[in-house]
């Protein structure tokens, strides 16, 4: 018979099941305690029982484990200095959505050379999450491929669904079953409606097909994720962090009978992908928060050891250490200055006794 399936597939490469990788790189008691406690803290922030701001801070994407750990060590130290007003988690993004083509992230292409050694990428990502959480620093990441969460989600305290996938039914179903709070970004056009639809969908029980811990194809039934929330990231229509647009977003969330909880992404469309403008976005956010706009519960900041960005060269060994290979970021010195200034300007926030 003439073949009618896999006609365009040029190869197969099985990878270990999630349970095998987790047995190889098991969660420690310390990491487990951190994830549980930080997820509870994020819940309290989203539900307005903790008045601190949630801050997802770190590289646009991680491509160098050594630089990521140096960054994490600095962020962990800074976290202690701002913890009375800001709850810091590290942005640990391992997957990158692409409009057309480009490097797809550490998990997909860990060697940055088009070899797509995904098994190695999964192992590197999981080890990094273990090492970062061992520092006492919670992690947050975008969930892009629906299979990946089975390998790393137990070590994440917060997750996002990106602007390009917020409209995807598969991602809404996946989010409804994720064990951590999930932020949905508005569409790349700037339209809020897809994200609001996604929030509402993810809050309800869903059924979807995926793989279980043993790698078996499985139908999952979810309880719904009541901690889904909105992330304003701007878009083709312009930024959406100003008071008028935040107020509009707040009303639209209330209209779907959800208590408004909004995180503002200081990068992407809100900064026009100009890193220096992230400071301006955060300043506006602080002004709004100080004036009583309690629907704003957090922000995202793209930051790295060195400012700017670089293209991936033919020889990855020639990369500048600590500089982004995707969107341009602010450098460490400016990151430290921005966060400490934000902490000084924010009103006092009572920390619940359970959080120490």
C-alpha atoms as a PDB file:
ATOM      1  CA  UNK A   1       0.000   0.000   0.000  1.00  0.00           C
ATOM      2  CA  UNK A   2       1.042   3.585  -0.611  1.00  0.00           C
ATOM      3  CA  UNK A   3       1.968   5.421   2.576  1.00  0.00           C
ATOM      4  CA  UNK A   4      -0.611   7.938   3.765  1.00  0.00           C
ATOM      5  CA  UNK A   5       0.910   8.981   7.120  1.00  0.00           C
ATOM      6  CA  UNK A   6       4.230  10.477   8.267  1.00  0.00           C
ATOM      7  CA  UNK A   7       4.988  11.413   4.665  1.00  0.00           C
ATOM      8  CA  UNK A   8       6.837  14.568   5.706  1.00  0.00           C
ATOM      9  CA  UNK A   9       8.383  13.187   8.895  1.00  0.00           C
ATOM     10  CA  UNK A  10      12.122  12.672   8.379  1.00  0.00           C
ATOM     11  CA  UNK A  11      12.961  11.058  11.718  1.00  0.00           C
ATOM     12  CA  UNK A  12      11.831   9.975  15.179  1.00  0.00           C
ATOM     13  CA  UNK A  13      13.755  10.411  18.409  1.00  0.00           C
ATOM     14  CA  UNK A  14      12.062   9.117  21.582  1.00  0.00           C
ATOM     15  CA  UNK A  15      12.796  11.015  24.798  1.00  0.00           C
ATOM     16  CA  UNK A  16      12.546   9.876  28.439  1.00  0.00           C
ATOM     17  CA  UNK A  17       9.179  10.050  30.140  1.00  0.00           C
ATOM     18  CA  UNK A  18       8.570  12.828  32.682  1.00  0.00           C
ATOM     19  CA  UNK A  19       8.807  10.320  35.541  1.00  0.00           C
ATOM     20  CA  UNK A  20      12.237   9.127  34.388  1.00  0.00           C
ATOM     21  CA  UNK A  21      13.581  12.675  34.243  1.00  0.00           C
ATOM     22  CA  UNK A  22      12.071  13.485  37.637  1.00  0.00           C
ATOM     23  CA  UNK A  23      13.671  10.381  39.125  1.00  0.00           C
ATOM     24  CA  UNK A  24      16.999  11.442  37.672  1.00  0.00           C
ATOM     25  CA  UNK A  25      16.591  15.036  38.895  1.00  0.00           C
ATOM     26  CA  UNK A  26      14.208  14.821  41.857  1.00  0.00           C
ATOM     27  CA  UNK A  27      12.644  17.775  43.642  1.00  0.00           C
ATOM     28  CA  UNK A  28      14.278  18.431  47.005  1.00  0.00           C
ATOM     29  CA  UNK A  29      12.432  19.144  50.250  1.00  0.00           C
ATOM     30  CA  UNK A  30      13.712  22.725  50.162  1.00  0.00           C
ATOM     31  CA  UNK A  31      12.509  23.325  46.609  1.00  0.00           C
ATOM     32  CA  UNK A  32       9.170  21.703  47.380  1.00  0.00           C
ATOM     33  CA  UNK A  33       8.622  23.940  50.396  1.00  0.00           C
ATOM     34  CA  UNK A  34       9.577  27.034  48.399  1.00  0.00           C
ATOM     35  CA  UNK A  35       7.190  26.216  45.532  1.00  0.00           C
ATOM     36  CA  UNK A  36       4.270  25.518  47.867  1.00  0.00           C
ATOM     37  CA  UNK A  37       4.840  28.654  49.962  1.00  0.00           C
ATOM     38  CA  UNK A  38       5.441  30.954  46.996  1.00  0.00           C
ATOM     39  CA  UNK A  39       2.334  29.715  45.159  1.00  0.00           C
ATOM     40  CA  UNK A  40       0.353  30.511  48.308  1.00  0.00           C
ATOM     41  CA  UNK A  41       1.925  33.972  48.448  1.00  0.00           C
ATOM     42  CA  UNK A  42       1.021  34.641  44.815  1.00  0.00           C
ATOM     43  CA  UNK A  43      -2.543  33.533  45.541  1.00  0.00           C
ATOM     44  CA  UNK A  44      -2.666  36.003  48.431  1.00  0.00           C
ATOM     45  CA  UNK A  45      -1.386  38.800  46.193  1.00  0.00           C
ATOM     46  CA  UNK A  46      -3.903  38.024  43.443  1.00  0.00           C
ATOM     47  CA  UNK A  47      -6.723  37.870  45.991  1.00  0.00           C
ATOM     48  CA  UNK A  48      -5.587  41.144  47.658  1.00  0.00           C
ATOM     49  CA  UNK A  49      -4.745  39.580  51.040  1.00  0.00           C
ATOM     50  CA  UNK A  50      -1.094  40.516  50.536  1.00  0.00           C
ATOM     51  CA  UNK A  51      -0.579  44.127  49.403  1.00  0.00           C
ATOM     52  CA  UNK A  52       2.897  43.581  48.003  1.00  0.00           C
ATOM     53  CA  UNK A  53       3.515  43.674  44.269  1.00  0.00           C
ATOM     54  CA  UNK A  54       4.358  40.448  42.479  1.00  0.00           C
ATOM     55  CA  UNK A  55       7.419  41.027  40.276  1.00  0.00           C
ATOM     56  CA  UNK A  56       8.465  38.565  37.536  1.00  0.00           C
ATOM     57  CA  UNK A  57      12.007  39.674  36.753  1.00  0.00           C
ATOM     58  CA  UNK A  58      14.709  38.131  34.601  1.00  0.00           C
ATOM     59  CA  UNK A  59      16.016  37.417  31.111  1.00  0.00           C
ATOM     60  CA  UNK A  60      13.732  37.535  28.094  1.00  0.00           C
ATOM     61  CA  UNK A  61      14.947  33.978  27.564  1.00  0.00           C
ATOM     62  CA  UNK A  62      17.586  31.820  29.219  1.00  0.00           C
ATOM     63  CA  UNK A  63      20.256  30.479  26.893  1.00  0.00           C
ATOM     64  CA  UNK A  64      23.330  30.086  29.158  1.00  0.00           C
ATOM     65  CA  UNK A  65      22.898  28.118  32.420  1.00  0.00           C
ATOM     66  CA  UNK A  66      26.019  29.645  33.991  1.00  0.00           C
ATOM     67  CA  UNK A  67      24.873  33.218  33.338  1.00  0.00           C
ATOM     68  CA  UNK A  68      21.369  32.314  34.523  1.00  0.00           C
ATOM     69  CA  UNK A  69      22.754  31.084  37.851  1.00  0.00           C
ATOM     70  CA  UNK A  70      24.876  34.192  38.310  1.00  0.00           C
ATOM     71  CA  UNK A  71      21.802  36.302  37.632  1.00  0.00           C
ATOM     72  CA  UNK A  72      19.715  34.189  40.025  1.00  0.00           C
ATOM     73  CA  UNK A  73      22.270  34.623  42.799  1.00  0.00           C
ATOM     74  CA  UNK A  74      22.134  38.408  42.425  1.00  0.00           C
ATOM     75  CA  UNK A  75      18.345  38.448  42.252  1.00  0.00           C
ATOM     76  CA  UNK A  76      18.057  36.258  45.364  1.00  0.00           C
ATOM     77  CA  UNK A  77      20.176  38.736  47.312  1.00  0.00           C
ATOM     78  CA  UNK A  78      18.140  41.683  46.017  1.00  0.00           C
ATOM     79  CA  UNK A  79      14.910  39.877  46.853  1.00  0.00           C
ATOM     80  CA  UNK A  80      15.714  40.050  50.547  1.00  0.00           C
ATOM     81  CA  UNK A  81      16.183  43.830  50.337  1.00  0.00           C
ATOM     82  CA  UNK A  82      12.816  44.560  48.706  1.00  0.00           C
ATOM     83  CA  UNK A  83      10.669  41.787  50.184  1.00  0.00           C
ATOM     84  CA  UNK A  84       8.627  44.092  52.423  1.00  0.00           C
ATOM     85  CA  UNK A  85       6.938  45.636  49.350  1.00  0.00           C
ATOM     86  CA  UNK A  86       7.819  43.421  46.373  1.00  0.00           C
ATOM     87  CA  UNK A  87       7.590  39.631  46.050  1.00  0.00           C
ATOM     88  CA  UNK A  88      10.254  38.700  43.505  1.00  0.00           C
ATOM     89  CA  UNK A  89      10.211  35.631  41.321  1.00  0.00           C
ATOM     90  CA  UNK A  90      12.727  34.932  38.563  1.00  0.00           C
ATOM     91  CA  UNK A  91      11.643  34.911  34.949  1.00  0.00           C
ATOM     92  CA  UNK A  92      12.896  31.512  33.719  1.00  0.00           C
ATOM     93  CA  UNK A  93      11.677  31.352  30.138  1.00  0.00           C
ATOM     94  CA  UNK A  94      12.866  28.225  28.286  1.00  0.00           C
ATOM     95  CA  UNK A  95      10.564  28.302  25.244  1.00  0.00           C
ATOM     96  CA  UNK A  96      10.185  31.125  22.715  1.00  0.00           C
ATOM     97  CA  UNK A  97       7.211  31.472  20.358  1.00  0.00           C
ATOM     98  CA  UNK A  98       8.123  32.676  16.890  1.00  0.00           C
ATOM     99  CA  UNK A  99       6.037  34.640  14.399  1.00  0.00           C
ATOM    100  CA  UNK A 100       7.950  32.974  11.537  1.00  0.00           C
ATOM    101  CA  UNK A 101      11.398  31.525  12.318  1.00  0.00           C
ATOM    102  CA  UNK A 102      14.134  31.924  14.910  1.00  0.00           C
ATOM    103  CA  UNK A 103      15.729  30.281  17.940  1.00  0.00           C
ATOM    104  CA  UNK A 104      12.971  28.526  19.877  1.00  0.00           C
ATOM    105  CA  UNK A 105      14.507  28.439  23.306  1.00  0.00           C
ATOM    106  CA  UNK A 106      16.772  26.461  25.596  1.00  0.00           C
ATOM    107  CA  UNK A 107      14.566  23.380  25.808  1.00  0.00           C
ATOM    108  CA  UNK A 108      14.112  23.069  22.050  1.00  0.00           C
ATOM    109  CA  UNK A 109      17.642  24.030  20.935  1.00  0.00           C
ATOM    110  CA  UNK A 110      19.994  24.055  23.952  1.00  0.00           C
ATOM    111  CA  UNK A 111      23.161  24.210  21.829  1.00  0.00           C
ATOM    112  CA  UNK A 112      21.880  27.256  19.859  1.00  0.00           C
ATOM    113  CA  UNK A 113      22.949  25.652  16.594  1.00  0.00           C
ATOM    114  CA  UNK A 114      19.832  24.077  15.109  1.00  0.00           C
ATOM    115  CA  UNK A 115      20.546  20.561  16.415  1.00  0.00           C
ATOM    116  CA  UNK A 116      17.318  20.515  18.471  1.00  0.00           C
ATOM    117  CA  UNK A 117      18.646  18.290  21.261  1.00  0.00           C
ATOM    118  CA  UNK A 118      15.388  18.483  23.211  1.00  0.00           C
ATOM    119  CA  UNK A 119      16.251  15.693  25.644  1.00  0.00           C
ATOM    120  CA  UNK A 120      19.329  17.642  26.777  1.00  0.00           C
ATOM    121  CA  UNK A 121      17.292  20.856  26.838  1.00  0.00           C
ATOM    122  CA  UNK A 122      14.730  19.331  29.198  1.00  0.00           C
ATOM    123  CA  UNK A 123      17.461  18.090  31.499  1.00  0.00           C
ATOM    124  CA  UNK A 124      19.224  21.483  31.570  1.00  0.00           C
ATOM    125  CA  UNK A 125      15.955  23.319  32.248  1.00  0.00           C
ATOM    126  CA  UNK A 126      14.960  21.038  35.117  1.00  0.00           C
ATOM    127  CA  UNK A 127      18.405  21.210  36.704  1.00  0.00           C
ATOM    128  CA  UNK A 128      18.359  25.000  36.469  1.00  0.00           C
ATOM    129  CA  UNK A 129      14.990  25.173  38.210  1.00  0.00           C
ATOM    130  CA  UNK A 130      16.324  22.920  40.968  1.00  0.00           C
ATOM    131  CA  UNK A 131      19.419  25.105  41.380  1.00  0.00           C
ATOM    132  CA  UNK A 132      17.503  28.406  41.341  1.00  0.00           C
ATOM    133  CA  UNK A 133      14.843  27.254  43.801  1.00  0.00           C
ATOM    134  CA  UNK A 134      17.661  25.966  46.056  1.00  0.00           C
ATOM    135  CA  UNK A 135      18.670  29.634  46.386  1.00  0.00           C
ATOM    136  CA  UNK A 136      15.232  30.380  47.835  1.00  0.00           C
ATOM    137  CA  UNK A 137      14.117  32.100  44.642  1.00  0.00           C
ATOM    138  CA  UNK A 138      10.750  31.134  43.081  1.00  0.00           C
ATOM    139  CA  UNK A 139      10.545  30.709  39.305  1.00  0.00           C
ATOM    140  CA  UNK A 140       8.004  31.643  36.643  1.00  0.00           C
ATOM    141  CA  UNK A 141       7.861  30.635  32.993  1.00  0.00           C
ATOM    142  CA  UNK A 142       5.730  30.705  29.852  1.00  0.00           C
ATOM    143  CA  UNK A 143       3.958  27.446  29.055  1.00  0.00           C
ATOM    144  CA  UNK A 144       4.180  27.006  25.295  1.00  0.00           C
ATOM    145  CA  UNK A 145       4.393  23.330  24.329  1.00  0.00           C
ATOM    146  CA  UNK A 146       1.569  21.454  26.129  1.00  0.00           C
ATOM    147  CA  UNK A 147       3.862  18.455  26.786  1.00  0.00           C
ATOM    148  CA  UNK A 148       6.624  20.411  28.583  1.00  0.00           C
ATOM    149  CA  UNK A 149       4.753  21.103  31.869  1.00  0.00           C
ATOM    150  CA  UNK A 150       4.910  17.423  32.802  1.00  0.00           C
ATOM    151  CA  UNK A 151       8.713  17.754  32.916  1.00  0.00           C
ATOM    152  CA  UNK A 152       9.162  21.041  34.808  1.00  0.00           C
ATOM    153  CA  UNK A 153       5.879  22.484  36.135  1.00  0.00           C
ATOM    154  CA  UNK A 154       6.313  21.013  39.628  1.00  0.00           C
ATOM    155  CA  UNK A 155       9.192  23.481  40.129  1.00  0.00           C
ATOM    156  CA  UNK A 156       7.337  26.585  38.913  1.00  0.00           C
ATOM    157  CA  UNK A 157       5.448  29.023  41.134  1.00  0.00           C
ATOM    158  CA  UNK A 158       3.833  31.080  38.353  1.00  0.00           C
ATOM    159  CA  UNK A 159       3.155  30.589  34.660  1.00  0.00           C
ATOM    160  CA  UNK A 160       2.042  32.683  31.716  1.00  0.00           C
ATOM    161  CA  UNK A 161       0.313  31.997  28.432  1.00  0.00           C
ATOM    162  CA  UNK A 162       1.772  34.263  25.766  1.00  0.00           C
ATOM    163  CA  UNK A 163       0.113  36.719  23.422  1.00  0.00           C
ATOM    164  CA  UNK A 164       0.366  34.340  20.455  1.00  0.00           C
ATOM    165  CA  UNK A 165      -1.216  31.377  22.273  1.00  0.00           C
ATOM    166  CA  UNK A 166      -3.837  33.032  24.491  1.00  0.00           C
ATOM    167  CA  UNK A 167      -6.470  32.336  21.802  1.00  0.00           C
ATOM    168  CA  UNK A 168      -5.477  28.659  21.583  1.00  0.00           C
ATOM    169  CA  UNK A 169      -8.076  26.261  22.955  1.00  0.00           C
ATOM    170  CA  UNK A 170      -5.335  23.759  23.817  1.00  0.00           C
ATOM    171  CA  UNK A 171      -3.509  26.308  25.977  1.00  0.00           C
ATOM    172  CA  UNK A 172      -6.684  27.377  27.751  1.00  0.00           C
ATOM    173  CA  UNK A 173      -7.429  23.737  28.553  1.00  0.00           C
ATOM    174  CA  UNK A 174      -3.874  23.175  29.738  1.00  0.00           C
ATOM    175  CA  UNK A 175      -3.998  26.293  31.947  1.00  0.00           C
ATOM    176  CA  UNK A 176      -7.188  25.043  33.585  1.00  0.00           C
ATOM    177  CA  UNK A 177      -5.203  22.082  34.918  1.00  0.00           C
ATOM    178  CA  UNK A 178      -1.910  23.743  35.836  1.00  0.00           C
ATOM    179  CA  UNK A 179      -1.097  23.702  39.550  1.00  0.00           C
ATOM    180  CA  UNK A 180       0.114  27.306  39.780  1.00  0.00           C
ATOM    181  CA  UNK A 181      -1.459  30.717  39.063  1.00  0.00           C
ATOM    182  CA  UNK A 182      -1.511  31.496  35.323  1.00  0.00           C
ATOM    183  CA  UNK A 183      -1.402  34.924  33.680  1.00  0.00           C
ATOM    184  CA  UNK A 184      -2.880  35.378  30.193  1.00  0.00           C
ATOM    185  CA  UNK A 185      -1.348  38.090  28.024  1.00  0.00           C
ATOM    186  CA  UNK A 186      -3.463  40.257  25.742  1.00  0.00           C
ATOM    187  CA  UNK A 187      -3.183  39.599  21.998  1.00  0.00           C
ATOM    188  CA  UNK A 188      -0.292  41.018  19.954  1.00  0.00           C
ATOM    189  CA  UNK A 189      -2.790  43.465  18.440  1.00  0.00           C
ATOM    190  CA  UNK A 190      -3.430  44.823  21.928  1.00  0.00           C
ATOM    191  CA  UNK A 191      -6.962  43.387  22.056  1.00  0.00           C
ATOM    192  CA  UNK A 192      -7.927  42.338  25.600  1.00  0.00           C
ATOM    193  CA  UNK A 193     -10.912  40.182  24.702  1.00  0.00           C
ATOM    194  CA  UNK A 194      -8.948  37.006  23.811  1.00  0.00           C
ATOM    195  CA  UNK A 195      -7.182  37.091  27.184  1.00  0.00           C
ATOM    196  CA  UNK A 196     -10.447  37.654  29.046  1.00  0.00           C
ATOM    197  CA  UNK A 197     -12.052  34.757  27.156  1.00  0.00           C
ATOM    198  CA  UNK A 198      -9.029  32.634  28.034  1.00  0.00           C
ATOM    199  CA  UNK A 199      -9.264  33.548  31.734  1.00  0.00           C
ATOM    200  CA  UNK A 200     -12.934  32.621  31.801  1.00  0.00           C
ATOM    201  CA  UNK A 201     -12.325  29.367  29.922  1.00  0.00           C
ATOM    202  CA  UNK A 202      -9.397  28.338  32.152  1.00  0.00           C
ATOM    203  CA  UNK A 203     -11.466  28.913  35.288  1.00  0.00           C
ATOM    204  CA  UNK A 204     -13.864  26.135  34.240  1.00  0.00           C
ATOM    205  CA  UNK A 205     -13.327  22.340  34.209  1.00  0.00           C
ATOM    206  CA  UNK A 206     -11.920  21.051  30.931  1.00  0.00           C
ATOM    207  CA  UNK A 207     -10.990  17.791  29.229  1.00  0.00           C
ATOM    208  CA  UNK A 208      -7.965  17.435  26.947  1.00  0.00           C
ATOM    209  CA  UNK A 209      -5.471  14.916  25.617  1.00  0.00           C
ATOM    210  CA  UNK A 210      -1.856  14.962  26.811  1.00  0.00           C
ATOM    211  CA  UNK A 211       0.804  12.676  28.252  1.00  0.00           C
ATOM    212  CA  UNK A 212       0.978  11.488  31.843  1.00  0.00           C
ATOM    213  CA  UNK A 213       4.059  11.028  34.051  1.00  0.00           C
ATOM    214  CA  UNK A 214       4.891   7.763  32.279  1.00  0.00           C
ATOM    215  CA  UNK A 215       4.590   9.313  28.822  1.00  0.00           C
ATOM    216  CA  UNK A 216       1.289   7.580  28.027  1.00  0.00           C
ATOM    217  CA  UNK A 217      -1.345   9.357  25.958  1.00  0.00           C
ATOM    218  CA  UNK A 218      -4.034  10.301  28.451  1.00  0.00           C
ATOM    219  CA  UNK A 219      -7.308  12.217  28.704  1.00  0.00           C
ATOM    220  CA  UNK A 220      -7.037  14.779  31.504  1.00  0.00           C
ATOM    221  CA  UNK A 221     -10.026  16.141  33.402  1.00  0.00           C
ATOM    222  CA  UNK A 222      -9.354  19.434  35.182  1.00  0.00           C
ATOM    223  CA  UNK A 223     -10.962  21.290  38.073  1.00  0.00           C
ATOM    224  CA  UNK A 224     -10.383  24.724  36.505  1.00  0.00           C
ATOM    225  CA  UNK A 225      -7.811  27.310  37.546  1.00  0.00           C
ATOM    226  CA  UNK A 226      -9.402  30.009  39.698  1.00  0.00           C
ATOM    227  CA  UNK A 227      -6.090  31.896  39.761  1.00  0.00           C
ATOM    228  CA  UNK A 228      -6.048  32.809  36.075  1.00  0.00           C
ATOM    229  CA  UNK A 229      -5.447  36.553  35.628  1.00  0.00           C
ATOM    230  CA  UNK A 230      -4.645  39.237  33.052  1.00  0.00           C
ATOM    231  CA  UNK A 231      -1.228  40.424  31.902  1.00  0.00           C
ATOM    232  CA  UNK A 232      -1.189  43.727  29.987  1.00  0.00           C
ATOM    233  CA  UNK A 233       1.737  43.717  27.545  1.00  0.00           C
ATOM    234  CA  UNK A 234       0.735  46.360  25.007  1.00  0.00           C
ATOM    235  CA  UNK A 235       0.503  45.551  21.332  1.00  0.00           C
ATOM    236  CA  UNK A 236       0.314  46.849  17.781  1.00  0.00           C
ATOM    237  CA  UNK A 237      -2.280  49.375  18.921  1.00  0.00           C
ATOM    238  CA  UNK A 238       0.191  50.838  21.424  1.00  0.00           C
ATOM    239  CA  UNK A 239       0.922  50.534  25.146  1.00  0.00           C
ATOM    240  CA  UNK A 240      -1.845  49.660  27.604  1.00  0.00           C
ATOM    241  CA  UNK A 241      -0.290  50.460  30.971  1.00  0.00           C
ATOM    242  CA  UNK A 242      -1.719  53.995  31.276  1.00  0.00           C
ATOM    243  CA  UNK A 243      -4.419  54.694  33.845  1.00  0.00           C
ATOM    244  CA  UNK A 244      -7.243  54.940  31.297  1.00  0.00           C
ATOM    245  CA  UNK A 245      -6.474  51.582  29.683  1.00  0.00           C
ATOM    246  CA  UNK A 246      -5.892  49.871  33.036  1.00  0.00           C
ATOM    247  CA  UNK A 247      -9.245  51.213  34.210  1.00  0.00           C
ATOM    248  CA  UNK A 248     -10.892  49.844  31.069  1.00  0.00           C
ATOM    249  CA  UNK A 249      -9.259  46.448  31.620  1.00  0.00           C
ATOM    250  CA  UNK A 250     -10.424  46.457  35.226  1.00  0.00           C
ATOM    251  CA  UNK A 251     -14.014  47.067  34.137  1.00  0.00           C
ATOM    252  CA  UNK A 252     -13.866  44.360  31.472  1.00  0.00           C
ATOM    253  CA  UNK A 253     -12.650  41.810  34.033  1.00  0.00           C
ATOM    254  CA  UNK A 254     -15.362  42.805  36.492  1.00  0.00           C
ATOM    255  CA  UNK A 255     -17.921  42.346  33.697  1.00  0.00           C
ATOM    256  CA  UNK A 256     -17.072  38.621  33.566  1.00  0.00           C
ATOM    257  CA  UNK A 257     -17.650  38.474  37.340  1.00  0.00           C
ATOM    258  CA  UNK A 258     -13.997  38.055  38.278  1.00  0.00           C
ATOM    259  CA  UNK A 259     -12.203  40.145  40.899  1.00  0.00           C
ATOM    260  CA  UNK A 260      -9.753  42.195  38.774  1.00  0.00           C
ATOM    261  CA  UNK A 261      -6.097  41.235  39.198  1.00  0.00           C
ATOM    262  CA  UNK A 262      -3.759  42.779  36.631  1.00  0.00           C
ATOM    263  CA  UNK A 263      -0.046  42.343  36.028  1.00  0.00           C
ATOM    264  CA  UNK A 264       1.651  44.902  33.783  1.00  0.00           C
ATOM    265  CA  UNK A 265       4.449  43.757  31.514  1.00  0.00           C
ATOM    266  CA  UNK A 266       6.944  46.639  31.372  1.00  0.00           C
ATOM    267  CA  UNK A 267       8.465  45.263  28.168  1.00  0.00           C
ATOM    268  CA  UNK A 268       7.085  44.223  24.760  1.00  0.00           C
ATOM    269  CA  UNK A 269       4.396  46.563  23.406  1.00  0.00           C
ATOM    270  CA  UNK A 270       4.375  48.670  26.569  1.00  0.00           C
ATOM    271  CA  UNK A 271       7.990  49.729  26.067  1.00  0.00           C
ATOM    272  CA  UNK A 272       8.102  49.424  22.276  1.00  0.00           C
ATOM    273  CA  UNK A 273      10.826  46.815  22.964  1.00  0.00           C
ATOM    274  CA  UNK A 274      13.108  49.631  24.101  1.00  0.00           C
ATOM    275  CA  UNK A 275      14.576  48.443  27.413  1.00  0.00           C
ATOM    276  CA  UNK A 276      15.186  51.935  28.797  1.00  0.00           C
ATOM    277  CA  UNK A 277      11.439  52.630  28.653  1.00  0.00           C
ATOM    278  CA  UNK A 278      10.638  49.809  31.067  1.00  0.00           C
ATOM    279  CA  UNK A 279      11.530  52.174  33.909  1.00  0.00           C
ATOM    280  CA  UNK A 280       8.901  54.622  32.635  1.00  0.00           C
ATOM    281  CA  UNK A 281       6.225  51.922  32.601  1.00  0.00           C
ATOM    282  CA  UNK A 282       7.051  50.864  36.151  1.00  0.00           C
ATOM    283  CA  UNK A 283       6.960  54.488  37.353  1.00  0.00           C
ATOM    284  CA  UNK A 284       3.431  54.844  35.963  1.00  0.00           C
ATOM    285  CA  UNK A 285       2.408  51.590  37.606  1.00  0.00           C
ATOM    286  CA  UNK A 286       3.705  52.783  40.992  1.00  0.00           C
ATOM    287  CA  UNK A 287       1.842  56.078  40.654  1.00  0.00           C
ATOM    288  CA  UNK A 288      -1.377  54.211  39.928  1.00  0.00           C
ATOM    289  CA  UNK A 289      -0.814  51.754  42.762  1.00  0.00           C
ATOM    290  CA  UNK A 290      -0.049  54.597  45.179  1.00  0.00           C
ATOM    291  CA  UNK A 291      -3.254  56.376  44.178  1.00  0.00           C
ATOM    292  CA  UNK A 292      -5.298  53.343  45.158  1.00  0.00           C
ATOM    293  CA  UNK A 293      -5.663  51.279  41.966  1.00  0.00           C
ATOM    294  CA  UNK A 294      -5.592  47.945  43.770  1.00  0.00           C
ATOM    295  CA  UNK A 295      -6.429  45.907  40.673  1.00  0.00           C
ATOM    296  CA  UNK A 296      -2.741  46.222  39.735  1.00  0.00           C
ATOM    297  CA  UNK A 297      -1.045  43.362  41.578  1.00  0.00           C
ATOM    298  CA  UNK A 298       2.293  43.012  39.828  1.00  0.00           C
ATOM    299  CA  UNK A 299       4.686  43.674  36.972  1.00  0.00           C
ATOM    300  CA  UNK A 300       7.134  41.961  34.638  1.00  0.00           C
ATOM    301  CA  UNK A 301      10.609  43.274  33.852  1.00  0.00           C
ATOM    302  CA  UNK A 302      13.038  41.930  31.234  1.00  0.00           C
ATOM    303  CA  UNK A 303      16.516  42.082  32.682  1.00  0.00           C
ATOM    304  CA  UNK A 304      19.879  40.392  32.259  1.00  0.00           C
ATOM    305  CA  UNK A 305      23.456  40.692  33.487  1.00  0.00           C
ATOM    306  CA  UNK A 306      24.299  42.986  30.568  1.00  0.00           C
ATOM    307  CA  UNK A 307      21.994  45.378  28.786  1.00  0.00           C
ATOM    308  CA  UNK A 308      20.930  45.122  25.149  1.00  0.00           C
ATOM    309  CA  UNK A 309      20.786  42.024  22.972  1.00  0.00           C
ATOM    310  CA  UNK A 310      22.883  40.116  20.460  1.00  0.00           C
ATOM    311  CA  UNK A 311      22.348  37.844  17.497  1.00  0.00           C
ATOM    312  CA  UNK A 312      23.351  34.205  17.816  1.00  0.00           C
ATOM    313  CA  UNK A 313      26.624  33.834  15.866  1.00  0.00           C
ATOM    314  CA  UNK A 314      27.607  30.816  13.790  1.00  0.00           C
ATOM    315  CA  UNK A 315      29.883  29.846  16.673  1.00  0.00           C
ATOM    316  CA  UNK A 316      27.880  30.072  19.935  1.00  0.00           C
ATOM    317  CA  UNK A 317      31.184  30.205  21.834  1.00  0.00           C
ATOM    318  CA  UNK A 318      31.525  33.800  20.548  1.00  0.00           C
ATOM    319  CA  UNK A 319      28.421  34.967  22.435  1.00  0.00           C
ATOM    320  CA  UNK A 320      28.757  37.881  24.851  1.00  0.00           C
ATOM    321  CA  UNK A 321      28.316  36.486  28.366  1.00  0.00           C
ATOM    322  CA  UNK A 322      25.163  37.560  30.171  1.00  0.00           C
ATOM    323  CA  UNK A 323      23.492  39.333  27.237  1.00  0.00           C
ATOM    324  CA  UNK A 324      20.117  38.388  25.765  1.00  0.00           C
ATOM    325  CA  UNK A 325      19.862  36.542  22.439  1.00  0.00           C
ATOM    326  CA  UNK A 326      16.185  37.482  22.072  1.00  0.00           C
ATOM    327  CA  UNK A 327      14.601  40.784  23.182  1.00  0.00           C
ATOM    328  CA  UNK A 328      16.915  43.464  24.536  1.00  0.00           C
ATOM    329  CA  UNK A 329      16.972  43.722  28.340  1.00  0.00           C
ATOM    330  CA  UNK A 330      18.092  46.224  30.941  1.00  0.00           C
ATOM    331  CA  UNK A 331      21.420  45.352  32.597  1.00  0.00           C
ATOM    332  CA  UNK A 332      21.908  44.299  36.195  1.00  0.00           C
ATOM    333  CA  UNK A 333      22.978  47.681  37.588  1.00  0.00           C
ATOM    334  CA  UNK A 334      19.847  49.343  36.205  1.00  0.00           C
ATOM    335  CA  UNK A 335      17.672  46.443  37.370  1.00  0.00           C
ATOM    336  CA  UNK A 336      18.920  46.852  40.915  1.00  0.00           C
ATOM    337  CA  UNK A 337      18.355  50.604  40.768  1.00  0.00           C
ATOM    338  CA  UNK A 338      14.852  50.265  39.288  1.00  0.00           C
ATOM    339  CA  UNK A 339      13.657  47.734  41.867  1.00  0.00           C
ATOM    340  CA  UNK A 340      15.116  49.532  44.858  1.00  0.00           C
ATOM    341  CA  UNK A 341      13.619  52.829  43.695  1.00  0.00           C
ATOM    342  CA  UNK A 342      10.258  51.102  43.219  1.00  0.00           C
ATOM    343  CA  UNK A 343      10.495  49.732  46.746  1.00  0.00           C
ATOM    344  CA  UNK A 344      11.196  53.209  48.133  1.00  0.00           C
ATOM    345  CA  UNK A 345       8.229  54.750  46.301  1.00  0.00           C
ATOM    346  CA  UNK A 346       5.636  52.073  46.969  1.00  0.00           C
ATOM    347  CA  UNK A 347       3.355  52.502  49.965  1.00  0.00           C
ATOM    348  CA  UNK A 348       3.953  50.218  52.941  1.00  0.00           C
ATOM    349  CA  UNK A 349       2.462  46.763  52.517  1.00  0.00           C
ATOM    350  CA  UNK A 350       1.608  44.553  55.480  1.00  0.00           C
ATOM    351  CA  UNK A 351       2.998  41.064  54.995  1.00  0.00           C
ATOM    352  CA  UNK A 352       0.691  38.300  56.289  1.00  0.00           C
ATOM    353  CA  UNK A 353       2.065  36.592  59.404  1.00  0.00           C
ATOM    354  CA  UNK A 354       2.043  33.207  57.650  1.00  0.00           C
ATOM    355  CA  UNK A 355       4.631  34.569  55.208  1.00  0.00           C
ATOM    356  CA  UNK A 356       7.023  35.653  57.978  1.00  0.00           C
END
